[in-house]
PDB file of N, CA and C in Angstrom:
ATOM      1  N   MET A   1      54.980  42.552 103.189  1.00  0.00           N
ATOM      2  CA  MET A   1      55.809  43.653 102.891  1.00  0.00           C
ATOM      3  C   MET A   1      57.235  43.325 103.303  1.00  0.00           C
ATOM      4  N   THR A   2      58.161  43.752 102.495  1.00  0.00           N
ATOM      5  CA  THR A   2      59.582  43.521 102.838  1.00  0.00           C
ATOM      6  C   THR A   2      60.225  44.845 103.244  1.00  0.00           C
ATOM      7  N   THR A   3      61.407  44.730 103.817  1.00  0.00           N
ATOM      8  CA  THR A   3      62.174  45.928 104.171  1.00  0.00           C
ATOM      9  C   THR A   3      63.486  45.952 103.364  1.00  0.00           C
ATOM     10  N   ALA A   4      64.019  47.098 103.202  1.00  0.00           N
ATOM     11  CA  ALA A   4      65.282  47.267 102.433  1.00  0.00           C
ATOM     12  C   ALA A   4      66.186  48.263 103.184  1.00  0.00           C
ATOM     13  N   PRO A   5      67.495  47.996 103.210  1.00  0.00           N
ATOM     14  CA  PRO A   5      68.402  48.941 103.821  1.00  0.00           C
ATOM     15  C   PRO A   5      68.388  50.274 103.065  1.00  0.00           C
ATOM     16  N   HIS A   6      68.831  51.303 103.729  1.00  0.00           N
ATOM     17  CA  HIS A   6      68.828  52.640 103.182  1.00  0.00           C
ATOM     18  C   HIS A   6      69.504  52.778 101.820  1.00  0.00           C
ATOM     19  N   ASP A   7      70.596  52.057 101.648  1.00  0.00           N
ATOM     20  CA  ASP A   7      71.370  52.215 100.370  1.00  0.00           C
ATOM     21  C   ASP A   7      71.022  51.134  99.361  1.00  0.00           C
ATOM     22  N   ASN A   8      69.984  50.366  99.550  1.00  0.00           N
ATOM     23  CA  ASN A   8      69.649  49.262  98.605  1.00  0.00           C
ATOM     24  C   ASN A   8      69.070  49.834  97.337  1.00  0.00           C
ATOM     25  N   THR A   9      69.805  49.679  96.236  1.00  0.00           N
ATOM     26  CA  THR A   9      69.364  50.158  94.919  1.00  0.00           C
ATOM     27  C   THR A   9      68.539  49.108  94.220  1.00  0.00           C
ATOM     28  N   ALA A  10      68.322  47.940  94.772  1.00  0.00           N
ATOM     29  CA  ALA A  10      67.571  46.865  94.146  1.00  0.00           C
ATOM     30  C   ALA A  10      66.112  47.268  93.952  1.00  0.00           C
ATOM     31  N   ILE A  11      65.637  48.205  94.778  1.00  0.00           N
ATOM     32  CA  ILE A  11      64.239  48.609  94.642  1.00  0.00           C
ATOM     33  C   ILE A  11      64.020  49.700  93.576  1.00  0.00           C
ATOM     34  N   LEU A  12      65.116  50.239  93.024  1.00  0.00           N
ATOM     35  CA  LEU A  12      64.965  51.252  91.982  1.00  0.00           C
ATOM     36  C   LEU A  12      64.301  50.772  90.712  1.00  0.00           C
ATOM     37  N   PRO A  13      64.708  49.627  90.146  1.00  0.00           N
ATOM     38  CA  PRO A  13      63.997  49.190  88.912  1.00  0.00           C
ATOM     39  C   PRO A  13      62.491  49.041  89.098  1.00  0.00           C
ATOM     40  N   PRO A  14      62.013  48.362  90.129  1.00  0.00           N
ATOM     41  CA  PRO A  14      60.569  48.267  90.264  1.00  0.00           C
ATOM     42  C   PRO A  14      59.911  49.616  90.549  1.00  0.00           C
ATOM     43  N   LEU A  15      60.614  50.501  91.254  1.00  0.00           N
ATOM     44  CA  LEU A  15      60.064  51.849  91.467  1.00  0.00           C
ATOM     45  C   LEU A  15      59.961  52.628  90.134  1.00  0.00           C
ATOM     46  N   ALA A  16      60.994  52.474  89.276  1.00  0.00           N
ATOM     47  CA  ALA A  16      60.969  53.143  87.995  1.00  0.00           C
ATOM     48  C   ALA A  16      59.755  52.725  87.222  1.00  0.00           C
ATOM     49  N   LEU A  17      59.519  51.406  87.191  1.00  0.00           N
ATOM     50  CA  LEU A  17      58.371  50.871  86.428  1.00  0.00           C
ATOM     51  C   LEU A  17      57.050  51.279  87.055  1.00  0.00           C
ATOM     52  N   ALA A  18      57.002  51.310  88.375  1.00  0.00           N
ATOM     53  CA  ALA A  18      55.804  51.743  89.068  1.00  0.00           C
ATOM     54  C   ALA A  18      55.452  53.199  88.769  1.00  0.00           C
ATOM     55  N   LEU A  19      56.460  54.044  88.694  1.00  0.00           N
ATOM     56  CA  LEU A  19      56.248  55.471  88.387  1.00  0.00           C
ATOM     57  C   LEU A  19      55.772  55.635  86.928  1.00  0.00           C
ATOM     58  N   VAL A  20      56.264  54.808  86.013  1.00  0.00           N
ATOM     59  CA  VAL A  20      55.814  54.917  84.624  1.00  0.00           C
ATOM     60  C   VAL A  20      54.390  54.477  84.521  1.00  0.00           C
ATOM     61  N   ASN A  21      54.058  53.404  85.232  1.00  0.00           N
ATOM     62  CA  ASN A  21      52.678  52.863  85.183  1.00  0.00           C
ATOM     63  C   ASN A  21      51.648  53.725  85.968  1.00  0.00           C
ATOM     64  N   HIS A  22      52.159  54.439  87.018  1.00  0.00           N
ATOM     65  CA  HIS A  22      51.311  55.294  87.841  1.00  0.00           C
ATOM     66  C   HIS A  22      52.022  56.603  88.114  1.00  0.00           C
ATOM     67  N   PRO A  23      52.125  57.476  87.136  1.00  0.00           N
ATOM     68  CA  PRO A  23      52.907  58.673  87.268  1.00  0.00           C
ATOM     69  C   PRO A  23      52.518  59.647  88.356  1.00  0.00           C
ATOM     70  N   ARG A  24      51.284  59.559  88.806  1.00  0.00           N
ATOM     71  CA  ARG A  24      50.812  60.459  89.906  1.00  0.00           C
ATOM     72  C   ARG A  24      50.754  59.786  91.263  1.00  0.00           C
ATOM     73  N   ALA A  25      51.304  58.588  91.354  1.00  0.00           N
ATOM     74  CA  ALA A  25      51.246  57.833  92.581  1.00  0.00           C
ATOM     75  C   ALA A  25      52.045  58.531  93.705  1.00  0.00           C
ATOM     76  N   THR A  26      51.492  58.429  94.899  1.00  0.00           N
ATOM     77  CA  THR A  26      52.174  58.929  96.105  1.00  0.00           C
ATOM     78  C   THR A  26      53.256  57.882  96.503  1.00  0.00           C
ATOM     79  N   LEU A  27      54.098  58.279  97.414  1.00  0.00           N
ATOM     80  CA  LEU A  27      55.091  57.320  97.913  1.00  0.00           C
ATOM     81  C   LEU A  27      54.442  56.120  98.558  1.00  0.00           C
ATOM     82  N   GLN A  28      53.344  56.347  99.279  1.00  0.00           N
ATOM     83  CA  GLN A  28      52.624  55.241  99.837  1.00  0.00           C
ATOM     84  C   GLN A  28      52.101  54.283  98.796  1.00  0.00           C
ATOM     85  N   GLU A  29      51.535  54.801  97.740  1.00  0.00           N
ATOM     86  CA  GLU A  29      51.027  53.963  96.631  1.00  0.00           C
ATOM     87  C   GLU A  29      52.177  53.262  95.915  1.00  0.00           C
ATOM     88  N   LEU A  30      53.289  53.919  95.781  1.00  0.00           N
ATOM     89  CA  LEU A  30      54.455  53.294  95.117  1.00  0.00           C
ATOM     90  C   LEU A  30      54.977  52.140  95.981  1.00  0.00           C
ATOM     91  N   ALA A  31      55.063  52.399  97.277  1.00  0.00           N
ATOM     92  CA  ALA A  31      55.528  51.319  98.198  1.00  0.00           C
ATOM     93  C   ALA A  31      54.630  50.121  98.076  1.00  0.00           C
ATOM     94  N   LYS A  32      53.333  50.308  98.096  1.00  0.00           N
ATOM     95  CA  LYS A  32      52.403  49.229  97.965  1.00  0.00           C
ATOM     96  C   LYS A  32      52.569  48.526  96.612  1.00  0.00           C
ATOM     97  N   ALA A  33      52.774  49.260  95.559  1.00  0.00           N
ATOM     98  CA  ALA A  33      52.872  48.723  94.213  1.00  0.00           C
ATOM     99  C   ALA A  33      54.101  47.758  94.078  1.00  0.00           C
ATOM    100  N   ILE A  34      55.173  48.057  94.837  1.00  0.00           N
ATOM    101  CA  ILE A  34      56.365  47.163  94.716  1.00  0.00           C
ATOM    102  C   ILE A  34      56.548  46.263  95.931  1.00  0.00           C
ATOM    103  N   GLY A  35      55.548  46.265  96.809  1.00  0.00           N
ATOM    104  CA  GLY A  35      55.561  45.320  97.900  1.00  0.00           C
ATOM    105  C   GLY A  35      56.474  45.570  99.053  1.00  0.00           C
ATOM    106  N   ILE A  36      56.696  46.867  99.318  1.00  0.00           N
ATOM    107  CA  ILE A  36      57.482  47.247 100.548  1.00  0.00           C
ATOM    108  C   ILE A  36      56.610  48.130 101.418  1.00  0.00           C
ATOM    109  N   SER A  37      57.033  48.320 102.625  1.00  0.00           N
ATOM    110  CA  SER A  37      56.261  49.175 103.515  1.00  0.00           C
ATOM    111  C   SER A  37      56.529  50.669 103.223  1.00  0.00           C
ATOM    112  N   LYS A  38      55.578  51.493 103.568  1.00  0.00           N
ATOM    113  CA  LYS A  38      55.718  52.937 103.351  1.00  0.00           C
ATOM    114  C   LYS A  38      56.940  53.436 104.147  1.00  0.00           C
ATOM    115  N   ALA A  39      57.127  52.927 105.346  1.00  0.00           N
ATOM    116  CA  ALA A  39      58.288  53.341 106.165  1.00  0.00           C
ATOM    117  C   ALA A  39      59.616  53.012 105.484  1.00  0.00           C
ATOM    118  N   THR A  40      59.661  51.843 104.838  1.00  0.00           N
ATOM    119  CA  THR A  40      60.939  51.432 104.190  1.00  0.00           C
ATOM    120  C   THR A  40      61.188  52.406 103.006  1.00  0.00           C
ATOM    121  N   LEU A  41      60.155  52.724 102.252  1.00  0.00           N
ATOM    122  CA  LEU A  41      60.386  53.655 101.125  1.00  0.00           C
ATOM    123  C   LEU A  41      60.765  55.053 101.605  1.00  0.00           C
ATOM    124  N   TYR A  42      60.125  55.503 102.684  1.00  0.00           N
ATOM    125  CA  TYR A  42      60.491  56.828 103.213  1.00  0.00           C
ATOM    126  C   TYR A  42      61.921  56.864 103.743  1.00  0.00           C
ATOM    127  N   ARG A  43      62.381  55.731 104.361  1.00  0.00           N
ATOM    128  CA  ARG A  43      63.797  55.708 104.779  1.00  0.00           C
ATOM    129  C   ARG A  43      64.706  55.720 103.577  1.00  0.00           C
ATOM    130  N   PHE A  44      64.342  55.022 102.530  1.00  0.00           N
ATOM    131  CA  PHE A  44      65.126  54.934 101.286  1.00  0.00           C
ATOM    132  C   PHE A  44      65.157  56.274 100.592  1.00  0.00           C
ATOM    133  N   CYS A  45      64.031  56.920 100.514  1.00  0.00           N
ATOM    134  CA  CYS A  45      63.890  58.204  99.803  1.00  0.00           C
ATOM    135  C   CYS A  45      62.717  58.970 100.407  1.00  0.00           C
ATOM    136  N   PRO A  46      62.955  60.024 101.136  1.00  0.00           N
ATOM    137  CA  PRO A  46      61.961  60.661 101.917  1.00  0.00           C
ATOM    138  C   PRO A  46      60.913  61.510 101.130  1.00  0.00           C
ATOM    139  N   THR A  47      61.201  61.884  99.869  1.00  0.00           N
ATOM    140  CA  THR A  47      60.253  62.650  99.095  1.00  0.00           C
ATOM    141  C   THR A  47      60.118  62.096  97.682  1.00  0.00           C
ATOM    142  N   ARG A  48      58.984  62.374  97.080  1.00  0.00           N
ATOM    143  CA  ARG A  48      58.747  61.964  95.707  1.00  0.00           C
ATOM    144  C   ARG A  48      59.748  62.597  94.744  1.00  0.00           C
ATOM    145  N   ASP A  49      59.967  63.897  94.905  1.00  0.00           N
ATOM    146  CA  ASP A  49      60.908  64.666  94.028  1.00  0.00           C
ATOM    147  C   ASP A  49      62.307  64.034  94.139  1.00  0.00           C
ATOM    148  N   LEU A  50      62.726  63.723  95.399  1.00  0.00           N
ATOM    149  CA  LEU A  50      64.032  63.145  95.559  1.00  0.00           C
ATOM    150  C   LEU A  50      64.088  61.721  94.928  1.00  0.00           C
ATOM    151  N   LEU A  51      63.028  60.979  94.967  1.00  0.00           N
ATOM    152  CA  LEU A  51      62.930  59.674  94.381  1.00  0.00           C
ATOM    153  C   LEU A  51      63.075  59.820  92.849  1.00  0.00           C
ATOM    154  N   ILE A  52      62.388  60.734  92.278  1.00  0.00           N
ATOM    155  CA  ILE A  52      62.530  60.923  90.792  1.00  0.00           C
ATOM    156  C   ILE A  52      63.910  61.332  90.419  1.00  0.00           C
ATOM    157  N   LYS A  53      64.492  62.239  91.199  1.00  0.00           N
ATOM    158  CA  LYS A  53      65.897  62.665  90.946  1.00  0.00           C
ATOM    159  C   LYS A  53      66.867  61.475  91.032  1.00  0.00           C
ATOM    160  N   ARG A  54      66.673  60.675  92.079  1.00  0.00           N
ATOM    161  CA  ARG A  54      67.527  59.508  92.273  1.00  0.00           C
ATOM    162  C   ARG A  54      67.375  58.506  91.120  1.00  0.00           C
ATOM    163  N   LEU A  55      66.123  58.321  90.667  1.00  0.00           N
ATOM    164  CA  LEU A  55      65.849  57.416  89.562  1.00  0.00           C
ATOM    165  C   LEU A  55      66.428  57.938  88.243  1.00  0.00           C
ATOM    166  N   LEU A  56      66.334  59.241  88.029  1.00  0.00           N
ATOM    167  CA  LEU A  56      66.954  59.838  86.838  1.00  0.00           C
ATOM    168  C   LEU A  56      68.482  59.601  86.827  1.00  0.00           C
ATOM    169  N   GLU A  57      69.127  59.879  87.962  1.00  0.00           N
ATOM    170  CA  GLU A  57      70.575  59.697  88.079  1.00  0.00           C
ATOM    171  C   GLU A  57      70.925  58.253  87.901  1.00  0.00           C
ATOM    172  N   GLN A  58      70.234  57.319  88.570  1.00  0.00           N
ATOM    173  CA  GLN A  58      70.566  55.895  88.418  1.00  0.00           C
ATOM    174  C   GLN A  58      70.309  55.423  86.992  1.00  0.00           C
ATOM    175  N   SER A  59      69.217  55.877  86.395  1.00  0.00           N
ATOM    176  CA  SER A  59      68.883  55.458  85.030  1.00  0.00           C
ATOM    177  C   SER A  59      69.949  55.939  84.031  1.00  0.00           C
ATOM    178  N   LEU A  60      70.357  57.138  84.155  1.00  0.00           N
ATOM    179  CA  LEU A  60      71.377  57.667  83.257  1.00  0.00           C
ATOM    180  C   LEU A  60      72.727  56.958  83.447  1.00  0.00           C
ATOM    181  N   ARG A  61      73.055  56.732  84.699  1.00  0.00           N
ATOM    182  CA  ARG A  61      74.321  56.002  85.014  1.00  0.00           C
ATOM    183  C   ARG A  61      74.296  54.557  84.465  1.00  0.00           C
ATOM    184  N   THR A  62      73.190  53.881  84.690  1.00  0.00           N
ATOM    185  CA  THR A  62      73.019  52.556  84.264  1.00  0.00           C
ATOM    186  C   THR A  62      73.102  52.399  82.752  1.00  0.00           C
ATOM    187  N   LEU A  63      72.372  53.287  82.072  1.00  0.00           N
ATOM    188  CA  LEU A  63      72.383  53.227  80.610  1.00  0.00           C
ATOM    189  C   LEU A  63      73.691  53.713  79.980  1.00  0.00           C
ATOM    190  N   ASP A  64      74.372  54.604  80.662  1.00  0.00           N
ATOM    191  CA  ASP A  64      75.689  55.010  80.210  1.00  0.00           C
ATOM    192  C   ASP A  64      76.644  53.825  80.289  1.00  0.00           C
ATOM    193  N   ASP A  65      76.567  53.099  81.428  1.00  0.00           N
ATOM    194  CA  ASP A  65      77.367  51.876  81.563  1.00  0.00           C
ATOM    195  C   ASP A  65      76.990  50.833  80.515  1.00  0.00           C
ATOM    196  N   ALA A  66      75.726  50.685  80.232  1.00  0.00           N
ATOM    197  CA  ALA A  66      75.246  49.750  79.193  1.00  0.00           C
ATOM    198  C   ALA A  66      75.825  50.099  77.847  1.00  0.00           C
ATOM    199  N   LEU A  67      75.886  51.386  77.540  1.00  0.00           N
ATOM    200  CA  LEU A  67      76.456  51.854  76.293  1.00  0.00           C
ATOM    201  C   LEU A  67      77.911  51.497  76.205  1.00  0.00           C
ATOM    202  N   ASP A  68      78.659  51.692  77.266  1.00  0.00           N
ATOM    203  CA  ASP A  68      80.056  51.313  77.277  1.00  0.00           C
ATOM    204  C   ASP A  68      80.210  49.774  77.112  1.00  0.00           C
ATOM    205  N   GLU A  69      79.412  49.015  77.829  1.00  0.00           N
ATOM    206  CA  GLU A  69      79.468  47.559  77.786  1.00  0.00           C
ATOM    207  C   GLU A  69      79.074  46.994  76.410  1.00  0.00           C
ATOM    208  N   ALA A  70      78.241  47.723  75.671  1.00  0.00           N
ATOM    209  CA  ALA A  70      77.787  47.253  74.350  1.00  0.00           C
ATOM    210  C   ALA A  70      78.923  47.317  73.284  1.00  0.00           C
ATOM    211  N   ARG A  71      79.964  48.114  73.601  1.00  0.00           N
ATOM    212  CA  ARG A  71      81.081  48.252  72.660  1.00  0.00           C
ATOM    213  C   ARG A  71      80.620  48.548  71.235  1.00  0.00           C
ATOM    214  N   ILE A  72      79.835  49.621  71.079  1.00  0.00           N
ATOM    215  CA  ILE A  72      79.236  49.895  69.768  1.00  0.00           C
ATOM    216  C   ILE A  72      80.262  50.287  68.718  1.00  0.00           C
ATOM    217  N   GLU A  73      81.487  50.622  69.121  1.00  0.00           N
ATOM    218  CA  GLU A  73      82.516  50.965  68.141  1.00  0.00           C
ATOM    219  C   GLU A  73      83.222  49.698  67.616  1.00  0.00           C
ATOM    220  N   GLU A  74      82.877  48.572  68.119  1.00  0.00           N
ATOM    221  CA  GLU A  74      83.554  47.292  67.695  1.00  0.00           C
ATOM    222  C   GLU A  74      82.663  46.504  66.734  1.00  0.00           C
ATOM    223  N   GLY A  75      83.283  45.940  65.731  1.00  0.00           N
ATOM    224  CA  GLY A  75      82.593  45.009  64.883  1.00  0.00           C
ATOM    225  C   GLY A  75      81.592  45.599  63.910  1.00  0.00           C
ATOM    226  N   PRO A  76      80.873  44.781  63.211  1.00  0.00           N
ATOM    227  CA  PRO A  76      79.852  45.270  62.266  1.00  0.00           C
ATOM    228  C   PRO A  76      78.758  46.041  63.008  1.00  0.00           C
ATOM    229  N   VAL A  77      78.188  47.031  62.310  1.00  0.00           N
ATOM    230  CA  VAL A  77      77.159  47.881  62.874  1.00  0.00           C
ATOM    231  C   VAL A  77      75.968  47.098  63.419  1.00  0.00           C
ATOM    232  N   LEU A  78      75.479  46.149  62.658  1.00  0.00           N
ATOM    233  CA  LEU A  78      74.322  45.339  63.077  1.00  0.00           C
ATOM    234  C   LEU A  78      74.619  44.615  64.374  1.00  0.00           C
ATOM    235  N   GLU A  79      75.807  44.048  64.493  1.00  0.00           N
ATOM    236  CA  GLU A  79      76.202  43.338  65.761  1.00  0.00           C
ATOM    237  C   GLU A  79      76.250  44.316  66.933  1.00  0.00           C
ATOM    238  N   ALA A  80      76.784  45.508  66.683  1.00  0.00           N
ATOM    239  CA  ALA A  80      76.912  46.529  67.730  1.00  0.00           C
ATOM    240  C   ALA A  80      75.495  46.928  68.198  1.00  0.00           C
ATOM    241  N   LEU A  81      74.568  47.117  67.217  1.00  0.00           N
ATOM    242  CA  LEU A  81      73.223  47.497  67.615  1.00  0.00           C
ATOM    243  C   LEU A  81      72.539  46.365  68.360  1.00  0.00           C
ATOM    244  N   LYS A  82      72.792  45.134  68.014  1.00  0.00           N
ATOM    245  CA  LYS A  82      72.235  44.001  68.735  1.00  0.00           C
ATOM    246  C   LYS A  82      72.745  43.994  70.196  1.00  0.00           C
ATOM    247  N   ARG A  83      74.008  44.265  70.388  1.00  0.00           N
ATOM    248  CA  ARG A  83      74.583  44.298  71.753  1.00  0.00           C
ATOM    249  C   ARG A  83      73.976  45.486  72.529  1.00  0.00           C
ATOM    250  N   LEU A  84      73.801  46.606  71.877  1.00  0.00           N
ATOM    251  CA  LEU A  84      73.234  47.783  72.540  1.00  0.00           C
ATOM    252  C   LEU A  84      71.783  47.507  72.946  1.00  0.00           C
ATOM    253  N   ASN A  85      71.041  46.940  71.999  1.00  0.00           N
ATOM    254  CA  ASN A  85      69.633  46.576  72.320  1.00  0.00           C
ATOM    255  C   ASN A  85      69.495  45.591  73.457  1.00  0.00           C
ATOM    256  N   ALA A  86      70.401  44.615  73.459  1.00  0.00           N
ATOM    257  CA  ALA A  86      70.397  43.621  74.567  1.00  0.00           C
ATOM    258  C   ALA A  86      70.672  44.293  75.880  1.00  0.00           C
ATOM    259  N   LYS A  87      71.600  45.236  75.911  1.00  0.00           N
ATOM    260  CA  LYS A  87      71.932  45.904  77.164  1.00  0.00           C
ATOM    261  C   LYS A  87      70.747  46.782  77.632  1.00  0.00           C
ATOM    262  N   HIS A  88      70.099  47.432  76.703  1.00  0.00           N
ATOM    263  CA  HIS A  88      68.939  48.251  77.073  1.00  0.00           C
ATOM    264  C   HIS A  88      67.801  47.360  77.597  1.00  0.00           C
ATOM    265  N   LEU A  89      67.622  46.196  77.021  1.00  0.00           N
ATOM    266  CA  LEU A  89      66.603  45.278  77.497  1.00  0.00           C
ATOM    267  C   LEU A  89      66.932  44.754  78.877  1.00  0.00           C
ATOM    268  N   GLU A  90      68.180  44.610  79.185  1.00  0.00           N
ATOM    269  CA  GLU A  90      68.590  44.169  80.529  1.00  0.00           C
ATOM    270  C   GLU A  90      68.146  45.190  81.582  1.00  0.00           C
ATOM    271  N   HIS A  91      68.055  46.435  81.195  1.00  0.00           N
ATOM    272  CA  HIS A  91      67.716  47.523  82.122  1.00  0.00           C
ATOM    273  C   HIS A  91      66.470  48.269  81.610  1.00  0.00           C
ATOM    274  N   ARG A  92      65.496  47.493  81.082  1.00  0.00           N
ATOM    275  CA  ARG A  92      64.314  48.131  80.469  1.00  0.00           C
ATOM    276  C   ARG A  92      63.525  49.022  81.357  1.00  0.00           C
ATOM    277  N   GLU A  93      63.508  48.785  82.675  1.00  0.00           N
ATOM    278  CA  GLU A  93      62.803  49.644  83.591  1.00  0.00           C
ATOM    279  C   GLU A  93      63.360  51.076  83.523  1.00  0.00           C
ATOM    280  N   PHE A  94      64.693  51.152  83.532  1.00  0.00           N
ATOM    281  CA  PHE A  94      65.330  52.479  83.491  1.00  0.00           C
ATOM    282  C   PHE A  94      65.166  53.092  82.101  1.00  0.00           C
ATOM    283  N   THR A  95      65.204  52.314  81.043  1.00  0.00           N
ATOM    284  CA  THR A  95      64.961  52.866  79.709  1.00  0.00           C
ATOM    285  C   THR A  95      63.545  53.440  79.594  1.00  0.00           C
ATOM    286  N   LEU A  96      62.548  52.696  80.101  1.00  0.00           N
ATOM    287  CA  LEU A  96      61.192  53.187  80.075  1.00  0.00           C
ATOM    288  C   LEU A  96      61.036  54.469  80.924  1.00  0.00           C
ATOM    289  N   PHE A  97      61.676  54.428  82.079  1.00  0.00           N
ATOM    290  CA  PHE A  97      61.607  55.629  82.982  1.00  0.00           C
ATOM    291  C   PHE A  97      62.145  56.830  82.308  1.00  0.00           C
ATOM    292  N   LEU A  98      63.344  56.690  81.707  1.00  0.00           N
ATOM    293  CA  LEU A  98      63.934  57.866  81.038  1.00  0.00           C
ATOM    294  C   LEU A  98      63.067  58.311  79.835  1.00  0.00           C
ATOM    295  N   THR A  99      62.556  57.385  79.110  1.00  0.00           N
ATOM    296  CA  THR A  99      61.714  57.699  77.964  1.00  0.00           C
ATOM    297  C   THR A  99      60.515  58.534  78.444  1.00  0.00           C
ATOM    298  N   TYR A 100      59.901  58.042  79.529  1.00  0.00           N
ATOM    299  CA  TYR A 100      58.715  58.714  80.019  1.00  0.00           C
ATOM    300  C   TYR A 100      59.028  60.089  80.623  1.00  0.00           C
ATOM    301  N   TYR A 101      60.044  60.156  81.499  1.00  0.00           N
ATOM    302  CA  TYR A 101      60.319  61.397  82.251  1.00  0.00           C
ATOM    303  C   TYR A 101      61.137  62.400  81.462  1.00  0.00           C
ATOM    304  N   LEU A 102      61.872  61.967  80.473  1.00  0.00           N
ATOM    305  CA  LEU A 102      62.678  62.928  79.697  1.00  0.00           C
ATOM    306  C   LEU A 102      61.941  63.321  78.400  1.00  0.00           C
ATOM    307  N   LEU A 103      61.201  62.424  77.823  1.00  0.00           N
ATOM    308  CA  LEU A 103      60.565  62.747  76.503  1.00  0.00           C
ATOM    309  C   LEU A 103      59.126  63.151  76.664  1.00  0.00           C
ATOM    310  N   ALA A 104      58.472  62.819  77.754  1.00  0.00           N
ATOM    311  CA  ALA A 104      57.048  63.148  77.913  1.00  0.00           C
ATOM    312  C   ALA A 104      56.737  64.597  77.669  1.00  0.00           C
ATOM    313  N   PRO A 105      57.577  65.571  78.162  1.00  0.00           N
ATOM    314  CA  PRO A 105      57.306  66.982  77.956  1.00  0.00           C
ATOM    315  C   PRO A 105      57.422  67.470  76.530  1.00  0.00           C
ATOM    316  N   ILE A 106      58.085  66.677  75.687  1.00  0.00           N
ATOM    317  CA  ILE A 106      58.297  67.060  74.285  1.00  0.00           C
ATOM    318  C   ILE A 106      57.035  66.855  73.477  1.00  0.00           C
ATOM    319  N   GLN A 107      56.634  67.842  72.786  1.00  0.00           N
ATOM    320  CA  GLN A 107      55.481  67.734  71.878  1.00  0.00           C
ATOM    321  C   GLN A 107      55.946  67.294  70.492  1.00  0.00           C
ATOM    322  N   ILE A 108      55.587  66.124  70.091  1.00  0.00           N
ATOM    323  CA  ILE A 108      56.026  65.600  68.784  1.00  0.00           C
ATOM    324  C   ILE A 108      54.949  65.814  67.783  1.00  0.00           C
TER     325      ILE A 108
END
């Protein structure tokens, strides 16, 4: 098990993926899934609800930045879409997390 400082956001992508794969997991189960101690995760984020809120905020911020970096208003549409897709793939854990947590309640 590894430890992470309180402000370390590097553990957010694996946590996002772990929550998508195990949506009912406890903090202890999530810590084990990403290879950190329960104490480390509790210091990083003391409640599951706060973790989900933090992941939603980070996911939205990251994908908003990816949208800006993709420069979709520049060049041919197909090239812009390729850049956007590449940026989303760079942050696929957050894309999956948002898809699961924002779209799951919608009945299609």
